[in-house]
């Protein structure tokens, strides 16, 4: 079991870093996630996807921390996640702008974009991780991408209507 859980640490760290925008907070989030996963290991169903299970735990820990105002959302400064890019100056600037734009997205959009785009999860798997219906994932992804495009283009994000 140690190997299964330990094998997820790099992905958890990358996702936590992208969520929090801060290496120290990301490490704390991963630590809290690993602690909770280890304490709740008896709840994991053998044969199910441990990655999705651990990402669900991380999502819940992160949401709980936000609700308790323990985590202040900060924009990524010069400390962006390492992403392989060509050795051109404009690519580095675009990655910095993308990281800053992602950090400016509302949490619910950022989570879906990071799970689907960065972690390459399928929509159904992301829905399980976040505990929301598949349609909600698709909607949040669409709206998040729209806002991200607008932010990258330098425009203000479009105002969304609230539908009851």
Protein backbone atom coordinates (compact mmCIF):
# COMPACT_ATOMS: atom_id res chain seq x y z
CA UNK A 1 0.00 0.00 0.00
CA UNK A 2 2.86 2.38 0.75
CA UNK A 3 4.00 2.14 -2.86
CA UNK A 4 0.53 2.92 -4.23
CA UNK A 5 0.18 6.01 -2.10
CA UNK A 6 3.79 7.15 -2.54
CA UNK A 7 3.44 6.82 -6.32
CA UNK A 8 0.79 9.54 -6.30
CA UNK A 9 2.89 12.15 -4.47
CA UNK A 10 4.38 13.86 -7.57
CA UNK A 11 0.93 14.32 -9.12
CA UNK A 12 -0.55 15.48 -5.84
CA UNK A 13 2.27 18.01 -5.40
CA UNK A 14 1.84 19.36 -8.92
CA UNK A 15 -1.92 19.74 -8.51
CA UNK A 16 -1.59 21.25 -5.03
CA UNK A 17 1.01 23.71 -6.27
CA UNK A 18 -1.22 24.80 -9.11
CA UNK A 19 -4.21 25.13 -6.75
CA UNK A 20 -2.49 27.11 -4.03
CA UNK A 21 0.15 28.99 -6.00
CA UNK A 22 2.62 28.60 -3.16
CA UNK A 23 5.14 25.83 -2.59
CA UNK A 24 4.82 25.85 1.20
CA UNK A 25 1.02 25.76 1.16
CA UNK A 26 1.11 23.08 -1.51
CA UNK A 27 3.41 20.93 0.62
CA UNK A 28 1.08 21.40 3.59
CA UNK A 29 -1.91 20.43 1.44
CA UNK A 30 -0.14 17.30 0.20
CA UNK A 31 0.86 16.42 3.76
CA UNK A 32 -2.73 16.83 4.98
CA UNK A 33 -3.97 14.77 2.03
CA UNK A 34 -1.49 11.95 2.69
CA UNK A 35 -2.31 11.94 6.38
CA UNK A 36 -6.04 11.73 5.70
CA UNK A 37 -5.54 9.06 3.02
CA UNK A 38 -3.46 6.96 5.37
CA UNK A 39 -6.02 7.30 8.20
CA UNK A 40 -8.92 6.52 5.87
CA UNK A 41 -7.19 3.77 3.88
CA UNK A 42 -9.74 1.26 5.15
CA UNK A 43 -12.39 3.17 3.13
CA UNK A 44 -10.60 2.72 -0.20
CA UNK A 45 -12.10 -0.05 -2.32
CA UNK A 46 -9.46 -2.37 -3.71
CA UNK A 47 -9.54 -2.36 -7.48
CA UNK A 48 -10.76 1.24 -7.71
CA UNK A 49 -8.54 4.06 -8.94
CA UNK A 50 -6.37 5.23 -6.06
CA UNK A 51 -5.39 8.36 -7.98
CA UNK A 52 -8.99 9.55 -8.21
CA UNK A 53 -9.56 8.63 -4.55
CA UNK A 54 -6.54 10.64 -3.39
CA UNK A 55 -7.40 13.61 -5.61
CA UNK A 56 -10.88 13.56 -4.09
CA UNK A 57 -9.35 13.69 -0.65
CA UNK A 58 -7.11 16.59 -1.70
CA UNK A 59 -10.07 18.45 -3.17
CA UNK A 60 -12.05 18.04 0.05
CA UNK A 61 -9.12 19.11 2.24
CA UNK A 62 -8.54 22.16 0.03
CA UNK A 63 -12.21 23.17 0.11
CA UNK A 64 -12.30 22.73 3.88
CA UNK A 65 -9.22 24.92 4.25
CA UNK A 66 -10.78 27.63 2.11
CA UNK A 67 -13.99 27.47 4.12
CA UNK A 68 -12.02 27.83 7.33
CA UNK A 69 -10.07 30.75 5.83
CA UNK A 70 -6.82 28.96 6.57
CA UNK A 71 -5.60 29.34 3.00
CA UNK A 72 -5.30 32.72 1.33
CA UNK A 73 -5.30 32.48 -2.44
CA UNK A 74 -2.26 34.19 -3.89
CA UNK A 75 -1.21 34.62 -7.47
CA UNK A 76 1.78 32.71 -8.72
CA UNK A 77 4.73 35.05 -8.76
CA UNK A 78 8.03 34.11 -10.29
CA UNK A 79 7.69 30.64 -8.81
CA UNK A 80 5.64 28.94 -11.55
CA UNK A 81 5.44 25.15 -11.88
CA UNK A 82 8.15 23.74 -14.07
CA UNK A 83 6.71 23.11 -17.50
CA UNK A 84 8.85 22.00 -20.43
CA UNK A 85 8.95 24.74 -23.09
CA UNK A 86 11.15 25.66 -26.00
CA UNK A 87 14.06 27.89 -25.06
CA UNK A 88 12.55 31.13 -26.30
CA UNK A 89 11.85 34.19 -24.26
CA UNK A 90 8.28 34.59 -25.48
CA UNK A 91 7.36 31.07 -24.43
CA UNK A 92 8.49 31.79 -20.89
CA UNK A 93 6.45 34.97 -20.83
CA UNK A 94 3.39 33.15 -22.15
CA UNK A 95 3.74 30.46 -19.47
CA UNK A 96 4.04 33.14 -16.79
CA UNK A 97 0.94 34.86 -18.15
CA UNK A 98 -0.92 31.53 -18.29
CA UNK A 99 0.00 30.69 -14.68
CA UNK A 100 -1.12 34.15 -13.57
CA UNK A 101 -4.38 33.83 -15.55
CA UNK A 102 -5.09 30.39 -14.07
CA UNK A 103 -4.47 31.78 -10.58
CA UNK A 104 -7.05 34.52 -11.25
CA UNK A 105 -9.79 32.01 -12.15
CA UNK A 106 -12.43 31.17 -9.55
CA UNK A 107 -11.50 28.01 -7.64
CA UNK A 108 -14.25 25.86 -9.16
CA UNK A 109 -13.06 26.64 -12.70
CA UNK A 110 -9.38 26.34 -11.81
CA UNK A 111 -9.87 22.89 -10.26
CA UNK A 112 -11.57 21.49 -13.35
CA UNK A 113 -9.07 23.03 -15.77
CA UNK A 114 -6.13 21.68 -13.77
CA UNK A 115 -7.59 18.19 -13.42
CA UNK A 116 -8.54 17.88 -17.09
CA UNK A 117 -5.71 19.90 -18.63
CA UNK A 118 -2.74 19.35 -16.34
CA UNK A 119 -3.53 15.97 -14.82
CA UNK A 120 -5.19 14.70 -18.02
CA UNK A 121 -8.15 13.21 -16.19
CA UNK A 122 -11.27 12.32 -18.10
CA UNK A 123 -14.46 14.26 -17.43
CA UNK A 124 -16.02 11.38 -15.48
CA UNK A 125 -12.92 10.95 -13.34
CA UNK A 126 -12.78 14.68 -12.63
CA UNK A 127 -16.47 14.59 -11.68
CA UNK A 128 -15.75 11.81 -9.18
CA UNK A 129 -12.78 13.69 -7.73
CA UNK A 130 -14.74 16.90 -7.28
CA UNK A 131 -17.96 15.17 -6.22
CA UNK A 132 -20.07 16.94 -8.83
CA UNK A 133 -22.17 15.70 -11.77
CA UNK A 134 -20.53 15.16 -15.17
CA UNK A 135 -22.52 18.04 -16.66
CA UNK A 136 -21.16 20.39 -14.01
CA UNK A 137 -17.59 19.43 -14.93
CA UNK A 138 -18.29 20.06 -18.60
CA UNK A 139 -19.97 23.39 -17.83
CA UNK A 140 -17.21 24.57 -15.50
CA UNK A 141 -14.56 23.51 -17.99
CA UNK A 142 -16.25 25.40 -20.80
CA UNK A 143 -16.73 28.54 -18.72
CA UNK A 144 -13.25 28.29 -17.25
CA UNK A 145 -11.67 28.00 -20.69
CA UNK A 146 -13.72 30.97 -21.89
CA UNK A 147 -12.52 33.08 -18.97
CA UNK A 148 -8.97 31.87 -19.44
CA UNK A 149 -9.04 32.86 -23.13
CA UNK A 150 -10.35 36.29 -22.17
CA UNK A 151 -7.70 36.73 -19.49
CA UNK A 152 -4.95 35.66 -21.87
CA UNK A 153 -6.23 38.08 -24.49
CA UNK A 154 -6.07 40.88 -21.94
CA UNK A 155 -9.81 41.36 -21.80
CA UNK A 156 -11.85 41.28 -18.65
CA UNK A 157 -13.64 38.02 -17.99
CA UNK A 158 -17.21 37.95 -19.29
CA UNK A 159 -19.92 38.30 -16.70
CA UNK A 160 -21.91 35.10 -16.30
CA UNK A 161 -25.62 35.02 -15.68
CA UNK A 162 -26.94 33.06 -12.75
CA UNK A 163 -29.63 30.65 -13.90
CA UNK A 164 -32.11 29.34 -11.34
